[in-house]
Each structure stands twice: as structure tokens, then as C-alpha cells.
């Protein structure tokens, strides 16, 4: 799993790649939270375009970042989800809290 960040204006984009599971989610969470605290953006975009596998740990990761972002007054978007990831996200109900963008 690789996590890359791009900060521009008031937006932080997090590019995720590889697998998100219970082995990788802790490190991802810590990295994102650190950047959120450092930059304090008004928009957080989680880009899933290069995620090949995600289990329920990924749902927990997104939900936790949503809750953390609320503390900073930050909107959260999940973008570029592969079909399998989008299916898991929608089944979890995250779509009622977070904006999903396909492309």
C-alpha cells in the first residue's frame, strides 16, 4: 500500500494504491491524520483509483477520516473508486455522509 499526498489551495488529495485491509489501514490512517493536522484543508479527497482490494477495514478508514475531518471543518470526497470498492462503500451507507465522485 502506498499513500501519496497533493496539497493545493485549501484541498488535500490522498492517492491510495494497492490493498486496504487490516494489515495496512493503521499506517494509512496515521499518515492521513498527520497530513490533515498539518495542512488543515477545507476539502479532503480520497482517491481510490489504484486500490485493487479493500475489505471492511477500508470502510472504517474512510469513516474515521470523515469524523476527523469534521473536527477541522473539512468536507470529504471519495473519488475514482473501482466498481468493487464503490459497491462496498455504498453497501456500508457511507454515501449518505460522504460525496462520491466517479470521474
PDB file of N, CA and C in Angstrom:
ATOM      1  N   UNK A   1       0.852  -1.180   0.000  1.00  0.00           N
ATOM      2  CA  UNK A   1       0.000   0.000   0.000  1.00  0.00           C
ATOM      3  C   UNK A   1       0.887   1.229   0.000  1.00  0.00           C
ATOM      4  N   UNK A   2       0.544   2.148  -0.863  1.00  0.00           N
ATOM      5  CA  UNK A   2       1.277   3.407  -0.950  1.00  0.00           C
ATOM      6  C   UNK A   2       0.287   4.554  -0.779  1.00  0.00           C
ATOM      7  N   UNK A   3       0.708   5.592  -0.073  1.00  0.00           N
ATOM      8  CA  UNK A   3      -0.108   6.779   0.146  1.00  0.00           C
ATOM      9  C   UNK A   3       0.697   7.994  -0.299  1.00  0.00           C
ATOM     10  N   UNK A   4       0.149   8.734  -1.248  1.00  0.00           N
ATOM     11  CA  UNK A   4       0.783   9.960  -1.713  1.00  0.00           C
ATOM     12  C   UNK A   4      -0.169  11.121  -1.474  1.00  0.00           C
ATOM     13  N   UNK A   5       0.384  12.285  -1.220  1.00  0.00           N
ATOM     14  CA  UNK A   5      -0.414  13.463  -0.906  1.00  0.00           C
ATOM     15  C   UNK A   5      -0.142  14.574  -1.907  1.00  0.00           C
ATOM     16  N   UNK A   6      -1.196  15.320  -2.200  1.00  0.00           N
ATOM     17  CA  UNK A   6      -1.061  16.518  -3.019  1.00  0.00           C
ATOM     18  C   UNK A   6      -1.893  17.603  -2.346  1.00  0.00           C
ATOM     19  N   UNK A   7      -1.234  18.658  -1.930  1.00  0.00           N
ATOM     20  CA  UNK A   7      -1.923  19.783  -1.291  1.00  0.00           C
ATOM     21  C   UNK A   7      -1.913  20.956  -2.252  1.00  0.00           C
ATOM     22  N   UNK A   8      -3.096  21.517  -2.495  1.00  0.00           N
ATOM     23  CA  UNK A   8      -3.207  22.703  -3.331  1.00  0.00           C
ATOM     24  C   UNK A   8      -4.360  23.548  -2.832  1.00  0.00           C
ATOM     25  N   UNK A   9      -4.083  24.821  -2.666  1.00  0.00           N
ATOM     26  CA  UNK A   9      -5.046  25.767  -2.109  1.00  0.00           C
ATOM     27  C   UNK A   9      -5.574  25.205  -0.799  1.00  0.00           C
ATOM     28  N   UNK A  10      -6.879  25.043  -0.686  1.00  0.00           N
ATOM     29  CA  UNK A  10      -7.470  24.528   0.556  1.00  0.00           C
ATOM     30  C   UNK A  10      -7.877  23.066   0.434  1.00  0.00           C
ATOM     31  N   UNK A  11      -7.213  22.321  -0.454  1.00  0.00           N
ATOM     32  CA  UNK A  11      -7.596  20.933  -0.685  1.00  0.00           C
ATOM     33  C   UNK A  11      -6.400  19.996  -0.507  1.00  0.00           C
ATOM     34  N   UNK A  12      -6.651  18.885   0.169  1.00  0.00           N
ATOM     35  CA  UNK A  12      -5.665  17.816   0.305  1.00  0.00           C
ATOM     36  C   UNK A  12      -6.216  16.598  -0.419  1.00  0.00           C
ATOM     37  N   UNK A  13      -5.486  16.117  -1.415  1.00  0.00           N
ATOM     38  CA  UNK A  13      -5.854  14.890  -2.118  1.00  0.00           C
ATOM     39  C   UNK A  13      -4.923  13.786  -1.670  1.00  0.00           C
ATOM     40  N   UNK A  14      -5.512  12.656  -1.308  1.00  0.00           N
ATOM     41  CA  UNK A  14      -4.754  11.481  -0.872  1.00  0.00           C
ATOM     42  C   UNK A  14      -4.921  10.418  -1.942  1.00  0.00           C
ATOM     43  N   UNK A  15      -3.813  10.013  -2.547  1.00  0.00           N
ATOM     44  CA  UNK A  15      -3.821   8.981  -3.572  1.00  0.00           C
ATOM     45  C   UNK A  15      -3.444   7.654  -2.918  1.00  0.00           C
ATOM     46  N   UNK A  16      -4.391   6.733  -2.918  1.00  0.00           N
ATOM     47  CA  UNK A  16      -4.187   5.421  -2.312  1.00  0.00           C
ATOM     48  C   UNK A  16      -3.947   4.407  -3.418  1.00  0.00           C
ATOM     49  N   UNK A  17      -3.108   3.404  -3.137  1.00  0.00           N
ATOM     50  CA  UNK A  17      -2.880   2.359  -4.131  1.00  0.00           C
ATOM     51  C   UNK A  17      -2.602   1.041  -3.427  1.00  0.00           C
ATOM     52  N   UNK A  18      -2.889  -0.040  -4.140  1.00  0.00           N
ATOM     53  CA  UNK A  18      -2.665  -1.371  -3.579  1.00  0.00           C
ATOM     54  C   UNK A  18      -3.883  -1.886  -2.851  1.00  0.00           C
ATOM     55  N   UNK A  19      -3.658  -2.557  -1.717  1.00  0.00           N
ATOM     56  CA  UNK A  19      -4.723  -3.167  -0.935  1.00  0.00           C
ATOM     57  C   UNK A  19      -4.954  -2.402   0.360  1.00  0.00           C
ATOM     58  N   UNK A  20      -6.217  -2.290   0.742  1.00  0.00           N
ATOM     59  CA  UNK A  20      -6.564  -1.718   2.041  1.00  0.00           C
ATOM     60  C   UNK A  20      -7.235  -2.826   2.847  1.00  0.00           C
ATOM     61  N   UNK A  21      -6.532  -3.269   3.877  1.00  0.00           N
ATOM     62  CA  UNK A  21      -7.065  -4.311   4.750  1.00  0.00           C
ATOM     63  C   UNK A  21      -6.565  -4.050   6.163  1.00  0.00           C
ATOM     64  N   UNK A  22      -6.818  -4.988   7.062  1.00  0.00           N
ATOM     65  CA  UNK A  22      -6.436  -4.748   8.460  1.00  0.00           C
ATOM     66  C   UNK A  22      -4.931  -4.643   8.649  1.00  0.00           C
ATOM     67  N   UNK A  23      -4.143  -5.126   7.692  1.00  0.00           N
ATOM     68  CA  UNK A  23      -2.681  -5.024   7.791  1.00  0.00           C
ATOM     69  C   UNK A  23      -2.178  -3.634   7.410  1.00  0.00           C
ATOM     70  N   UNK A  24      -2.891  -2.957   6.532  1.00  0.00           N
ATOM     71  CA  UNK A  24      -2.401  -1.682   6.007  1.00  0.00           C
ATOM     72  C   UNK A  24      -3.151  -0.461   6.525  1.00  0.00           C
ATOM     73  N   UNK A  25      -4.361  -0.645   7.018  1.00  0.00           N
ATOM     74  CA  UNK A  25      -5.212   0.509   7.341  1.00  0.00           C
ATOM     75  C   UNK A  25      -4.657   1.390   8.456  1.00  0.00           C
ATOM     76  N   UNK A  26      -3.972   0.811   9.428  1.00  0.00           N
ATOM     77  CA  UNK A  26      -3.432   1.626  10.528  1.00  0.00           C
ATOM     78  C   UNK A  26      -2.410   2.640  10.011  1.00  0.00           C
ATOM     79  N   UNK A  27      -1.480   2.186   9.184  1.00  0.00           N
ATOM     80  CA  UNK A  27      -0.451   3.092   8.653  1.00  0.00           C
ATOM     81  C   UNK A  27      -1.057   4.170   7.759  1.00  0.00           C
ATOM     82  N   UNK A  28      -2.058   3.784   6.972  1.00  0.00           N
ATOM     83  CA  UNK A  28      -2.734   4.753   6.115  1.00  0.00           C
ATOM     84  C   UNK A  28      -3.420   5.806   6.976  1.00  0.00           C
ATOM     85  N   UNK A  29      -4.151   5.347   7.975  1.00  0.00           N
ATOM     86  CA  UNK A  29      -4.877   6.248   8.877  1.00  0.00           C
ATOM     87  C   UNK A  29      -3.931   7.249   9.522  1.00  0.00           C
ATOM     88  N   UNK A  30      -2.827   6.764  10.059  1.00  0.00           N
ATOM     89  CA  UNK A  30      -1.870   7.649  10.723  1.00  0.00           C
ATOM     90  C   UNK A  30      -1.278   8.671   9.764  1.00  0.00           C
ATOM     91  N   UNK A  31      -0.972   8.244   8.543  1.00  0.00           N
ATOM     92  CA  UNK A  31      -0.397   9.157   7.554  1.00  0.00           C
ATOM     93  C   UNK A  31      -1.393  10.252   7.173  1.00  0.00           C
ATOM     94  N   UNK A  32      -2.638   9.861   6.918  1.00  0.00           N
ATOM     95  CA  UNK A  32      -3.652  10.842   6.535  1.00  0.00           C
ATOM     96  C   UNK A  32      -3.928  11.807   7.681  1.00  0.00           C
ATOM     97  N   UNK A  33      -4.088  11.285   8.878  1.00  0.00           N
ATOM     98  CA  UNK A  33      -4.377  12.146  10.029  1.00  0.00           C
ATOM     99  C   UNK A  33      -3.259  13.150  10.277  1.00  0.00           C
ATOM    100  N   UNK A  34      -2.031  12.721  10.086  1.00  0.00           N
ATOM    101  CA  UNK A  34      -0.891  13.621  10.258  1.00  0.00           C
ATOM    102  C   UNK A  34      -0.949  14.774   9.255  1.00  0.00           C
ATOM    103  N   UNK A  35      -1.240  14.451   7.992  1.00  0.00           N
ATOM    104  CA  UNK A  35      -1.329  15.495   6.965  1.00  0.00           C
ATOM    105  C   UNK A  35      -2.535  16.400   7.203  1.00  0.00           C
ATOM    106  N   UNK A  36      -3.658  15.832   7.614  1.00  0.00           N
ATOM    107  CA  UNK A  36      -4.831  16.653   7.925  1.00  0.00           C
ATOM    108  C   UNK A  36      -4.503  17.680   9.005  1.00  0.00           C
ATOM    109  N   UNK A  37      -3.828  17.220  10.037  1.00  0.00           N
ATOM    110  CA  UNK A  37      -3.487  18.115  11.144  1.00  0.00           C
ATOM    111  C   UNK A  37      -2.490  19.184  10.705  1.00  0.00           C
ATOM    112  N   UNK A  38      -1.556  18.799   9.862  1.00  0.00           N
ATOM    113  CA  UNK A  38      -0.526  19.732   9.411  1.00  0.00           C
ATOM    114  C   UNK A  38      -1.086  20.782   8.461  1.00  0.00           C
ATOM    115  N   UNK A  39      -1.927  20.357   7.516  1.00  0.00           N
ATOM    116  CA  UNK A  39      -2.406  21.258   6.463  1.00  0.00           C
ATOM    117  C   UNK A  39      -3.731  21.932   6.819  1.00  0.00           C
ATOM    118  N   UNK A  40      -4.607  21.229   7.508  1.00  0.00           N
ATOM    119  CA  UNK A  40      -5.951  21.701   7.859  1.00  0.00           C
ATOM    120  C   UNK A  40      -6.695  22.248   6.638  1.00  0.00           C
ATOM    121  N   UNK A  41      -6.925  21.387   5.645  1.00  0.00           N
ATOM    122  CA  UNK A  41      -7.614  21.826   4.425  1.00  0.00           C
ATOM    123  C   UNK A  41      -9.116  21.967   4.658  1.00  0.00           C
ATOM    124  N   UNK A  42      -9.787  22.608   3.726  1.00  0.00           N
ATOM    125  CA  UNK A  42     -11.249  22.673   3.804  1.00  0.00           C
ATOM    126  C   UNK A  42     -11.889  21.531   3.022  1.00  0.00           C
ATOM    127  N   UNK A  43     -11.097  20.879   2.155  1.00  0.00           N
ATOM    128  CA  UNK A  43     -11.572  19.736   1.376  1.00  0.00           C
ATOM    129  C   UNK A  43     -10.535  18.617   1.444  1.00  0.00           C
ATOM    130  N   UNK A  44     -11.015  17.408   1.719  1.00  0.00           N
ATOM    131  CA  UNK A  44     -10.183  16.207   1.691  1.00  0.00           C
ATOM    132  C   UNK A  44     -10.740  15.287   0.619  1.00  0.00           C
ATOM    133  N   UNK A  45      -9.898  14.926  -0.350  1.00  0.00           N
ATOM    134  CA  UNK A  45     -10.293  13.974  -1.387  1.00  0.00           C
ATOM    135  C   UNK A  45      -9.471  12.699  -1.203  1.00  0.00           C
ATOM    136  N   UNK A  46     -10.178  11.587  -1.099  1.00  0.00           N
ATOM    137  CA  UNK A  46      -9.541  10.281  -1.017  1.00  0.00           C
ATOM    138  C   UNK A  46      -9.688   9.618  -2.379  1.00  0.00           C
ATOM    139  N   UNK A  47      -8.581   9.467  -3.088  1.00  0.00           N
ATOM    140  CA  UNK A  47      -8.591   8.951  -4.461  1.00  0.00           C
ATOM    141  C   UNK A  47      -8.265   7.452  -4.437  1.00  0.00           C
ATOM    142  N   UNK A  48      -9.235   6.642  -4.820  1.00  0.00           N
ATOM    143  CA  UNK A  48      -9.122   5.181  -4.769  1.00  0.00           C
ATOM    144  C   UNK A  48      -8.810   4.555  -6.119  1.00  0.00           C
ATOM    145  N   UNK A  49      -8.446   5.330  -7.116  1.00  0.00           N
ATOM    146  CA  UNK A  49      -8.296   4.793  -8.475  1.00  0.00           C
ATOM    147  C   UNK A  49      -7.318   3.621  -8.565  1.00  0.00           C
ATOM    148  N   UNK A  50      -6.320   3.561  -7.723  1.00  0.00           N
ATOM    149  CA  UNK A  50      -5.324   2.490  -7.807  1.00  0.00           C
ATOM    150  C   UNK A  50      -5.438   1.479  -6.668  1.00  0.00           C
ATOM    151  N   UNK A  51      -6.598   1.436  -6.022  1.00  0.00           N
ATOM    152  CA  UNK A  51      -6.831   0.440  -4.970  1.00  0.00           C
ATOM    153  C   UNK A  51      -7.364  -0.825  -5.645  1.00  0.00           C
ATOM    154  N   UNK A  52      -6.685  -1.947  -5.398  1.00  0.00           N
ATOM    155  CA  UNK A  52      -7.044  -3.209  -6.049  1.00  0.00           C
ATOM    156  C   UNK A  52      -7.951  -4.071  -5.184  1.00  0.00           C
ATOM    157  N   UNK A  53      -7.844  -3.923  -3.872  1.00  0.00           N
ATOM    158  CA  UNK A  53      -8.648  -4.712  -2.940  1.00  0.00           C
ATOM    159  C   UNK A  53      -8.934  -3.864  -1.710  1.00  0.00           C
ATOM    160  N   UNK A  54     -10.147  -3.986  -1.195  1.00  0.00           N
ATOM    161  CA  UNK A  54     -10.499  -3.305   0.040  1.00  0.00           C
ATOM    162  C   UNK A  54     -11.508  -4.163   0.785  1.00  0.00           C
ATOM    163  N   UNK A  55     -11.286  -4.351   2.081  1.00  0.00           N
ATOM    164  CA  UNK A  55     -12.269  -5.039   2.910  1.00  0.00           C
ATOM    165  C   UNK A  55     -12.907  -4.023   3.846  1.00  0.00           C
ATOM    166  N   UNK A  56     -13.575  -4.492   4.882  1.00  0.00           N
ATOM    167  CA  UNK A  56     -14.276  -3.584   5.788  1.00  0.00           C
ATOM    168  C   UNK A  56     -13.331  -2.618   6.502  1.00  0.00           C
ATOM    169  N   UNK A  57     -12.057  -2.931   6.556  1.00  0.00           N
ATOM    170  CA  UNK A  57     -11.083  -2.000   7.141  1.00  0.00           C
ATOM    171  C   UNK A  57     -11.043  -0.698   6.352  1.00  0.00           C
ATOM    172  N   UNK A  58     -11.266  -0.783   5.063  1.00  0.00           N
ATOM    173  CA  UNK A  58     -11.298   0.413   4.228  1.00  0.00           C
ATOM    174  C   UNK A  58     -12.491   1.293   4.549  1.00  0.00           C
ATOM    175  N   UNK A  59     -13.627   0.656   4.841  1.00  0.00           N
ATOM    176  CA  UNK A  59     -14.815   1.412   5.241  1.00  0.00           C
ATOM    177  C   UNK A  59     -14.523   2.130   6.558  1.00  0.00           C
ATOM    178  N   UNK A  60     -13.916   1.424   7.499  1.00  0.00           N
ATOM    179  CA  UNK A  60     -13.548   2.035   8.778  1.00  0.00           C
ATOM    180  C   UNK A  60     -12.558   3.171   8.596  1.00  0.00           C
ATOM    181  N   UNK A  61     -11.622   2.990   7.679  1.00  0.00           N
ATOM    182  CA  UNK A  61     -10.638   4.031   7.379  1.00  0.00           C
ATOM    183  C   UNK A  61     -11.328   5.302   6.890  1.00  0.00           C
ATOM    184  N   UNK A  62     -12.241   5.151   5.952  1.00  0.00           N
ATOM    185  CA  UNK A  62     -12.941   6.307   5.392  1.00  0.00           C
ATOM    186  C   UNK A  62     -13.827   6.953   6.460  1.00  0.00           C
ATOM    187  N   UNK A  63     -14.560   6.150   7.210  1.00  0.00           N
ATOM    188  CA  UNK A  63     -15.438   6.697   8.246  1.00  0.00           C
ATOM    189  C   UNK A  63     -14.632   7.460   9.293  1.00  0.00           C
ATOM    190  N   UNK A  64     -13.509   6.919   9.694  1.00  0.00           N
ATOM    191  CA  UNK A  64     -12.658   7.595  10.668  1.00  0.00           C
ATOM    192  C   UNK A  64     -12.105   8.901  10.150  1.00  0.00           C
ATOM    193  N   UNK A  65     -11.730   8.939   8.873  1.00  0.00           N
ATOM    194  CA  UNK A  65     -11.208  10.182   8.302  1.00  0.00           C
ATOM    195  C   UNK A  65     -12.331  11.201   8.172  1.00  0.00           C
ATOM    196  N   UNK A  66     -13.527  10.740   7.895  1.00  0.00           N
ATOM    197  CA  UNK A  66     -14.688  11.635   7.855  1.00  0.00           C
ATOM    198  C   UNK A  66     -14.877  12.289   9.215  1.00  0.00           C
ATOM    199  N   UNK A  67     -14.847  11.499  10.273  1.00  0.00           N
ATOM    200  CA  UNK A  67     -15.040  12.043  11.623  1.00  0.00           C
ATOM    201  C   UNK A  67     -13.909  13.003  11.997  1.00  0.00           C
ATOM    202  N   UNK A  68     -12.688  12.653  11.643  1.00  0.00           N
ATOM    203  CA  UNK A  68     -11.548  13.530  11.923  1.00  0.00           C
ATOM    204  C   UNK A  68     -11.670  14.833  11.133  1.00  0.00           C
ATOM    205  N   UNK A  69     -12.062  14.730   9.867  1.00  0.00           N
ATOM    206  CA  UNK A  69     -12.194  15.918   9.020  1.00  0.00           C
ATOM    207  C   UNK A  69     -13.264  16.864   9.552  1.00  0.00           C
ATOM    208  N   UNK A  70     -14.314  16.320  10.135  1.00  0.00           N
ATOM    209  CA  UNK A  70     -15.363  17.169  10.718  1.00  0.00           C
ATOM    210  C   UNK A  70     -14.800  18.102  11.785  1.00  0.00           C
ATOM    211  N   UNK A  71     -13.849  17.607  12.548  1.00  0.00           N
ATOM    212  CA  UNK A  71     -13.225  18.412  13.599  1.00  0.00           C
ATOM    213  C   UNK A  71     -12.563  19.652  13.003  1.00  0.00           C
ATOM    214  N   UNK A  72     -12.009  19.505  11.798  1.00  0.00           N
ATOM    215  CA  UNK A  72     -11.329  20.615  11.133  1.00  0.00           C
ATOM    216  C   UNK A  72     -12.251  21.408  10.206  1.00  0.00           C
ATOM    217  N   UNK A  73     -13.536  21.054  10.185  1.00  0.00           N
ATOM    218  CA  UNK A  73     -14.474  21.740   9.300  1.00  0.00           C
ATOM    219  C   UNK A  73     -14.213  21.430   7.838  1.00  0.00           C
ATOM    220  N   UNK A  74     -13.791  20.218   7.575  1.00  0.00           N
ATOM    221  CA  UNK A  74     -13.336  19.791   6.258  1.00  0.00           C
ATOM    222  C   UNK A  74     -14.384  18.895   5.589  1.00  0.00           C
ATOM    223  N   UNK A  75     -14.683  19.159   4.312  1.00  0.00           N
ATOM    224  CA  UNK A  75     -15.567  18.293   3.526  1.00  0.00           C
ATOM    225  C   UNK A  75     -14.758  17.114   2.996  1.00  0.00           C
ATOM    226  N   UNK A  76     -15.402  15.943   2.892  1.00  0.00           N
ATOM    227  CA  UNK A  76     -14.713  14.741   2.422  1.00  0.00           C
ATOM    228  C   UNK A  76     -15.366  14.223   1.145  1.00  0.00           C
ATOM    229  N   UNK A  77     -14.529  13.912   0.175  1.00  0.00           N
ATOM    230  CA  UNK A  77     -14.961  13.312  -1.087  1.00  0.00           C
ATOM    231  C   UNK A  77     -14.169  12.032  -1.295  1.00  0.00           C
ATOM    232  N   UNK A  78     -14.850  10.996  -1.761  1.00  0.00           N
ATOM    233  CA  UNK A  78     -14.181   9.763  -2.178  1.00  0.00           C
ATOM    234  C   UNK A  78     -14.319   9.709  -3.685  1.00  0.00           C
ATOM    235  N   UNK A  79     -13.188   9.638  -4.378  1.00  0.00           N
ATOM    236  CA  UNK A  79     -13.197   9.764  -5.835  1.00  0.00           C
ATOM    237  C   UNK A  79     -12.511   8.585  -6.515  1.00  0.00           C
ATOM    238  N   UNK A  80     -12.909   8.392  -7.778  1.00  0.00           N
ATOM    239  CA  UNK A  80     -12.292   7.414  -8.670  1.00  0.00           C
ATOM    240  C   UNK A  80     -12.269   5.992  -8.091  1.00  0.00           C
ATOM    241  N   UNK A  81     -13.390   5.549  -7.560  1.00  0.00           N
ATOM    242  CA  UNK A  81     -13.458   4.207  -6.981  1.00  0.00           C
ATOM    243  C   UNK A  81     -13.641   3.156  -8.064  1.00  0.00           C
ATOM    244  N   UNK A  82     -12.858   2.088  -8.009  1.00  0.00           N
ATOM    245  CA  UNK A  82     -13.167   0.939  -8.865  1.00  0.00           C
ATOM    246  C   UNK A  82     -14.541   0.388  -8.465  1.00  0.00           C
ATOM    247  N   UNK A  83     -15.179  -0.331  -9.372  1.00  0.00           N
ATOM    248  CA  UNK A  83     -16.534  -0.836  -9.119  1.00  0.00           C
ATOM    249  C   UNK A  83     -16.636  -1.640  -7.829  1.00  0.00           C
ATOM    250  N   UNK A  84     -15.666  -2.493  -7.561  1.00  0.00           N
ATOM    251  CA  UNK A  84     -15.738  -3.329  -6.355  1.00  0.00           C
ATOM    252  C   UNK A  84     -15.662  -2.489  -5.086  1.00  0.00           C
ATOM    253  N   UNK A  85     -14.833  -1.468  -5.102  1.00  0.00           N
ATOM    254  CA  UNK A  85     -14.701  -0.577  -3.945  1.00  0.00           C
ATOM    255  C   UNK A  85     -15.982   0.234  -3.776  1.00  0.00           C
ATOM    256  N   UNK A  86     -16.517   0.732  -4.864  1.00  0.00           N
ATOM    257  CA  UNK A  86     -17.750   1.525  -4.785  1.00  0.00           C
ATOM    258  C   UNK A  86     -18.897   0.688  -4.219  1.00  0.00           C
ATOM    259  N   UNK A  87     -18.973  -0.552  -4.623  1.00  0.00           N
ATOM    260  CA  UNK A  87     -20.033  -1.435  -4.129  1.00  0.00           C
ATOM    261  C   UNK A  87     -19.949  -1.575  -2.605  1.00  0.00           C
ATOM    262  N   UNK A  88     -18.754  -1.789  -2.086  1.00  0.00           N
ATOM    263  CA  UNK A  88     -18.559  -1.916  -0.640  1.00  0.00           C
ATOM    264  C   UNK A  88     -18.920  -0.605   0.061  1.00  0.00           C
ATOM    265  N   UNK A  89     -18.485   0.517  -0.500  1.00  0.00           N
ATOM    266  CA  UNK A  89     -18.775   1.831   0.099  1.00  0.00           C
ATOM    267  C   UNK A  89     -20.277   2.088   0.142  1.00  0.00           C
ATOM    268  N   UNK A  90     -20.962   1.806  -0.946  1.00  0.00           N
ATOM    269  CA  UNK A  90     -22.407   2.052  -0.993  1.00  0.00           C
ATOM    270  C   UNK A  90     -23.165   1.118  -0.053  1.00  0.00           C
ATOM    271  N   UNK A  91     -22.753  -0.134   0.022  1.00  0.00           N
ATOM    272  CA  UNK A  91     -23.414  -1.088   0.921  1.00  0.00           C
ATOM    273  C   UNK A  91     -23.242  -0.680   2.386  1.00  0.00           C
ATOM    274  N   UNK A  92     -22.150  -0.012   2.689  1.00  0.00           N
ATOM    275  CA  UNK A  92     -21.881   0.401   4.065  1.00  0.00           C
ATOM    276  C   UNK A  92     -22.719   1.609   4.485  1.00  0.00           C
ATOM    277  N   UNK A  93     -23.286   2.309   3.516  1.00  0.00           N
ATOM    278  CA  UNK A  93     -24.068   3.500   3.814  1.00  0.00           C
ATOM    279  C   UNK A  93     -23.263   4.787   3.851  1.00  0.00           C
ATOM    280  N   UNK A  94     -21.976   4.717   3.529  1.00  0.00           N
ATOM    281  CA  UNK A  94     -21.140   5.923   3.563  1.00  0.00           C
ATOM    282  C   UNK A  94     -21.605   7.003   2.593  1.00  0.00           C
ATOM    283  N   UNK A  95     -22.312   6.604   1.557  1.00  0.00           N
ATOM    284  CA  UNK A  95     -22.783   7.573   0.575  1.00  0.00           C
ATOM    285  C   UNK A  95     -23.748   8.595   1.137  1.00  0.00           C
ATOM    286  N   UNK A  96     -24.351   8.291   2.288  1.00  0.00           N
ATOM    287  CA  UNK A  96     -25.257   9.268   2.897  1.00  0.00           C
ATOM    288  C   UNK A  96     -24.494  10.339   3.680  1.00  0.00           C
ATOM    289  N   UNK A  97     -23.206  10.108   3.931  1.00  0.00           N
ATOM    290  CA  UNK A  97     -22.387  11.058   4.684  1.00  0.00           C
ATOM    291  C   UNK A  97     -21.338  11.757   3.834  1.00  0.00           C
ATOM    292  N   UNK A  98     -20.829  11.022   2.876  1.00  0.00           N
ATOM    293  CA  UNK A  98     -19.673  11.471   2.100  1.00  0.00           C
ATOM    294  C   UNK A  98     -20.054  11.540   0.629  1.00  0.00           C
ATOM    295  N   UNK A  99     -19.531  12.542  -0.075  1.00  0.00           N
ATOM    296  CA  UNK A  99     -19.791  12.659  -1.506  1.00  0.00           C
ATOM    297  C   UNK A  99     -18.883  11.713  -2.273  1.00  0.00           C
ATOM    298  N   UNK A 100     -19.498  10.905  -3.135  1.00  0.00           N
ATOM    299  CA  UNK A 100     -18.752  10.015  -4.029  1.00  0.00           C
ATOM    300  C   UNK A 100     -18.701  10.644  -5.410  1.00  0.00           C
ATOM    301  N   UNK A 101     -17.518  10.604  -6.025  1.00  0.00           N
ATOM    302  CA  UNK A 101     -17.365  11.078  -7.400  1.00  0.00           C
ATOM    303  C   UNK A 101     -16.712   9.981  -8.220  1.00  0.00           C
ATOM    304  N   UNK A 102     -17.358   9.616  -9.330  1.00  0.00           N
ATOM    305  CA  UNK A 102     -16.824   8.561 -10.193  1.00  0.00           C
ATOM    306  C   UNK A 102     -15.619   9.058 -10.993  1.00  0.00           C
ATOM    307  N   UNK A 103     -15.746  10.142 -11.690  1.00  0.00           N
ATOM    308  CA  UNK A 103     -14.642  10.648 -12.510  1.00  0.00           C
ATOM    309  C   UNK A 103     -14.570  12.135 -12.440  1.00  0.00           C
TER     310      UNK A 103
END
